[in-house]
Amino acid sequence: MNHRGHPKNPKRRADLPLDVLAAAFIAASAEEAPDLAKQLGALKADSMRELGGVLGRLDMRGRGELDAHERLLARRVLTRLHRPSADSLAMTNKILDYLDLNMSALIEEDELELCVQIIELFCRAESDNDTLTLKELEMLYAVLRHLDKDGNGQLDPLERVALHQGLGNPEAFLAEHKAFNPHLRRVLAAR
């Protein structure tokens, strides 16, 4: 383990028990969040692997299951997805890659706060509800890609400053990206 309690040689994603993690989360959520459990229980096998990828980022102890607190954190992200699917969960995984600020493969609580804050902004980017459609997830990913000026797949300190400043005035931030962000313009033109 390193100084943060993370494995020095983490397992490859293909070797992780993501399906088991997803099934355990759904079973526990049946009582804790029945509506979410019902939506997630209807997912197909490929979607379960993506769901496991999202959940695995919150398994701070690396035990292959989430405790009650970790499940609560997971629900803060998952309840924001409008009709979870393989595509929306895969896009959520890509977004979490950018928001994993220390590149630990885990979303820690401070990173989760930023994640929830930006997700809440994009929930209303193209709709009037509190959930993210696939298009809104794609828009969020396009903004994160644009903020990543050096293209290294993570938000460096100066890039995070730009994100935090944008979140201070979300309407102007989104309007600016719609006008000048080529990644976002491609997403908006595609639909």
Protein backbone atom coordinates (compact mmCIF):
# COMPACT_ATOMS: atom_id res chain seq x y z
CA MET A 1 0.00 0.00 0.00
CA ASN A 2 1.11 3.55 -0.64
CA HIS A 3 0.80 6.47 1.79
CA ARG A 4 -2.91 6.92 0.90
CA GLY A 5 -3.74 3.25 1.52
CA HIS A 6 -4.01 2.42 -2.19
CA PRO A 7 -2.41 -0.66 -3.73
CA LYS A 8 1.03 -0.02 -5.27
CA ASN A 9 0.25 -2.45 -8.05
CA PRO A 10 -3.49 -2.17 -8.67
CA LYS A 11 -5.34 -4.91 -10.50
CA ARG A 12 -6.21 -4.46 -14.15
CA ARG A 13 -9.82 -3.39 -14.70
CA ALA A 14 -10.53 -6.65 -16.55
CA ASP A 15 -9.47 -8.59 -13.43
CA LEU A 16 -11.68 -6.69 -11.00
CA PRO A 17 -14.90 -8.32 -9.73
CA LEU A 18 -17.03 -5.46 -11.08
CA ASP A 19 -20.13 -7.58 -11.72
CA VAL A 20 -20.07 -8.86 -8.14
CA LEU A 21 -19.65 -5.32 -6.81
CA ALA A 22 -22.61 -4.12 -8.91
CA ALA A 23 -24.84 -7.00 -7.81
CA ALA A 24 -24.01 -6.42 -4.12
CA PHE A 25 -24.73 -2.69 -4.48
CA ILE A 26 -28.10 -3.34 -6.11
CA ALA A 27 -29.03 -5.86 -3.41
CA ALA A 28 -28.13 -3.41 -0.63
CA SER A 29 -29.92 -0.58 -2.42
CA ALA A 30 -33.17 -2.55 -2.58
CA GLU A 31 -33.85 -1.36 0.95
CA GLU A 32 -31.82 1.87 0.99
CA ALA A 33 -32.91 3.30 -2.37
CA PRO A 34 -35.58 1.07 -3.94
CA ASP A 35 -36.19 3.20 -7.05
CA LEU A 36 -32.50 3.27 -7.91
CA ALA A 37 -32.20 -0.46 -7.20
CA LYS A 38 -35.08 -1.15 -9.57
CA GLN A 39 -33.49 0.92 -12.37
CA LEU A 40 -30.08 -0.66 -11.90
CA GLY A 41 -31.51 -4.16 -11.55
CA ALA A 42 -32.89 -3.86 -15.09
CA LEU A 43 -29.44 -3.27 -16.59
CA LYS A 44 -27.92 -5.78 -19.00
CA ALA A 45 -24.60 -7.54 -18.38
CA ASP A 46 -22.45 -4.98 -20.24
CA SER A 47 -24.06 -2.21 -18.20
CA MET A 48 -23.35 -4.07 -14.96
CA ARG A 49 -19.63 -4.01 -15.72
CA GLU A 50 -19.79 -0.23 -16.28
CA LEU A 51 -21.80 0.15 -13.07
CA GLY A 52 -19.15 -1.87 -11.26
CA GLY A 53 -16.52 0.51 -12.67
CA VAL A 54 -18.31 3.50 -11.16
CA LEU A 55 -18.78 1.70 -7.84
CA GLY A 56 -15.21 0.42 -7.75
CA ARG A 57 -13.97 4.01 -7.63
CA LEU A 58 -15.71 4.38 -4.26
CA ASP A 59 -14.46 1.14 -2.70
CA MET A 60 -11.91 2.90 -0.49
CA ARG A 61 -10.99 -0.26 1.41
CA GLY A 62 -10.50 -2.34 -1.74
CA ARG A 63 -12.66 -5.17 -0.40
CA GLY A 64 -14.89 -5.60 -3.43
CA GLU A 65 -17.98 -4.29 -1.64
CA LEU A 66 -19.15 -0.90 -0.50
CA ASP A 67 -19.97 -0.13 3.10
CA ALA A 68 -23.03 1.98 3.98
CA HIS A 69 -21.15 5.28 3.69
CA GLU A 70 -19.59 4.34 0.34
CA ARG A 71 -23.03 3.29 -0.97
CA LEU A 72 -24.38 6.68 0.06
CA LEU A 73 -21.59 8.39 -1.87
CA ALA A 74 -22.30 6.18 -4.90
CA ARG A 75 -25.97 7.11 -4.80
CA ARG A 76 -25.03 10.81 -4.87
CA VAL A 77 -23.67 10.19 -8.37
CA LEU A 78 -25.95 7.42 -9.63
CA THR A 79 -29.25 9.06 -8.69
CA ARG A 80 -28.28 11.93 -11.00
CA LEU A 81 -28.30 9.66 -14.06
CA HIS A 82 -31.46 9.76 -16.15
CA ARG A 83 -32.26 6.14 -17.06
CA PRO A 84 -28.86 4.53 -16.39
CA SER A 85 -27.56 2.52 -19.35
CA ALA A 86 -24.28 1.06 -20.59
CA ASP A 87 -23.60 4.29 -22.50
CA SER A 88 -24.41 6.65 -19.63
CA LEU A 89 -22.40 4.56 -17.16
CA ALA A 90 -19.44 4.38 -19.56
CA MET A 91 -19.58 8.16 -19.97
CA THR A 92 -19.80 8.54 -16.17
CA ASN A 93 -16.63 6.46 -15.88
CA LYS A 94 -14.85 8.77 -18.36
CA ILE A 95 -16.00 11.83 -16.39
CA LEU A 96 -14.81 10.27 -13.14
CA ASP A 97 -11.39 9.73 -14.76
CA TYR A 98 -11.08 13.51 -15.12
CA LEU A 99 -12.42 14.21 -11.64
CA ASP A 100 -10.04 11.73 -9.99
CA LEU A 101 -7.67 14.58 -9.28
CA ASN A 102 -4.86 12.53 -7.76
CA MET A 103 -5.17 9.70 -10.32
CA SER A 104 -5.63 7.11 -7.57
CA ALA A 105 -8.45 5.30 -9.43
CA LEU A 106 -10.64 6.14 -6.43
CA ILE A 107 -13.00 9.07 -6.02
CA GLU A 108 -12.33 10.38 -2.54
CA GLU A 109 -14.77 12.59 -0.64
CA ASP A 110 -13.14 15.88 -1.60
CA GLU A 111 -13.13 14.81 -5.25
CA LEU A 112 -16.73 13.65 -4.93
CA GLU A 113 -17.79 17.12 -3.78
CA LEU A 114 -16.36 18.61 -6.99
CA CYS A 115 -17.97 15.79 -8.98
CA VAL A 116 -21.42 16.41 -7.48
CA GLN A 117 -21.06 20.18 -7.93
CA ILE A 118 -20.28 19.92 -11.65
CA ILE A 119 -22.90 17.20 -12.18
CA GLU A 120 -25.53 19.45 -10.61
CA LEU A 121 -24.56 22.23 -13.02
CA PHE A 122 -24.91 19.98 -16.05
CA CYS A 123 -28.20 18.43 -14.89
CA ARG A 124 -29.90 21.51 -16.27
CA ALA A 125 -27.69 22.07 -19.31
CA GLU A 126 -30.32 20.76 -21.75
CA SER A 127 -33.27 19.87 -19.53
CA ASP A 128 -35.25 21.21 -16.58
CA ASN A 129 -34.78 18.29 -14.20
CA ASP A 130 -32.19 17.13 -11.70
CA THR A 131 -30.87 14.20 -13.70
CA LEU A 132 -28.23 13.90 -16.41
CA THR A 133 -29.25 12.64 -19.82
CA LEU A 134 -26.64 10.95 -21.99
CA LYS A 135 -26.36 14.19 -23.98
CA GLU A 136 -25.69 16.18 -20.81
CA LEU A 137 -23.05 13.63 -19.77
CA GLU A 138 -21.44 14.02 -23.20
CA MET A 139 -21.56 17.82 -22.78
CA LEU A 140 -19.88 17.56 -19.39
CA TYR A 141 -17.18 15.29 -20.79
CA ALA A 142 -16.60 17.75 -23.65
CA VAL A 143 -16.11 20.60 -21.18
CA LEU A 144 -13.66 18.56 -19.09
CA ARG A 145 -11.72 17.62 -22.24
CA HIS A 146 -11.54 21.29 -23.22
CA LEU A 147 -10.35 22.33 -19.75
CA ASP A 148 -7.60 19.69 -19.98
CA LYS A 149 -5.31 22.00 -21.96
CA ASP A 150 -2.35 19.62 -21.97
CA GLY A 151 -4.47 16.60 -22.94
CA ASN A 152 -3.08 14.37 -20.20
CA GLY A 153 -6.50 13.03 -19.15
CA GLN A 154 -6.59 14.74 -15.77
CA LEU A 155 -7.29 18.21 -14.50
CA ASP A 156 -4.06 19.72 -13.29
CA PRO A 157 -4.10 22.45 -10.59
CA LEU A 158 -4.47 25.36 -13.03
CA GLU A 159 -7.14 23.49 -14.98
CA ARG A 160 -9.04 22.86 -11.72
CA VAL A 161 -8.85 26.59 -10.95
CA ALA A 162 -10.56 27.28 -14.29
CA LEU A 163 -13.25 24.72 -13.43
CA HIS A 164 -13.83 26.19 -9.96
CA GLN A 165 -14.01 29.72 -11.38
CA GLY A 166 -16.56 28.55 -13.94
CA LEU A 167 -18.68 26.94 -11.27
CA GLY A 168 -18.87 30.34 -9.56
CA ASN A 169 -20.98 31.63 -12.47
CA PRO A 170 -22.43 28.50 -14.07
CA GLU A 171 -24.64 30.15 -16.70
CA ALA A 172 -21.75 32.22 -18.10
CA PHE A 173 -19.42 29.21 -17.87
CA LEU A 174 -21.76 27.03 -19.91
CA ALA A 175 -22.52 29.82 -22.41
CA GLU A 176 -18.79 30.41 -22.95
CA HIS A 177 -18.20 26.72 -23.58
CA LYS A 178 -21.13 26.51 -25.97
CA ALA A 179 -19.62 29.39 -27.94
CA PHE A 180 -15.91 28.48 -27.92
CA ASN A 181 -15.43 24.81 -27.00
CA PRO A 182 -15.00 22.73 -30.19
CA HIS A 183 -15.61 19.45 -28.32
CA LEU A 184 -18.91 20.74 -26.97
CA ARG A 185 -19.96 22.20 -30.33
CA ARG A 186 -19.47 18.75 -31.90
CA VAL A 187 -21.66 17.16 -29.21
CA LEU A 188 -24.37 19.77 -29.70
CA ALA A 189 -24.25 19.45 -33.50
CA ALA A 190 -24.52 15.63 -33.36
CA ARG A 191 -27.99 15.62 -31.84
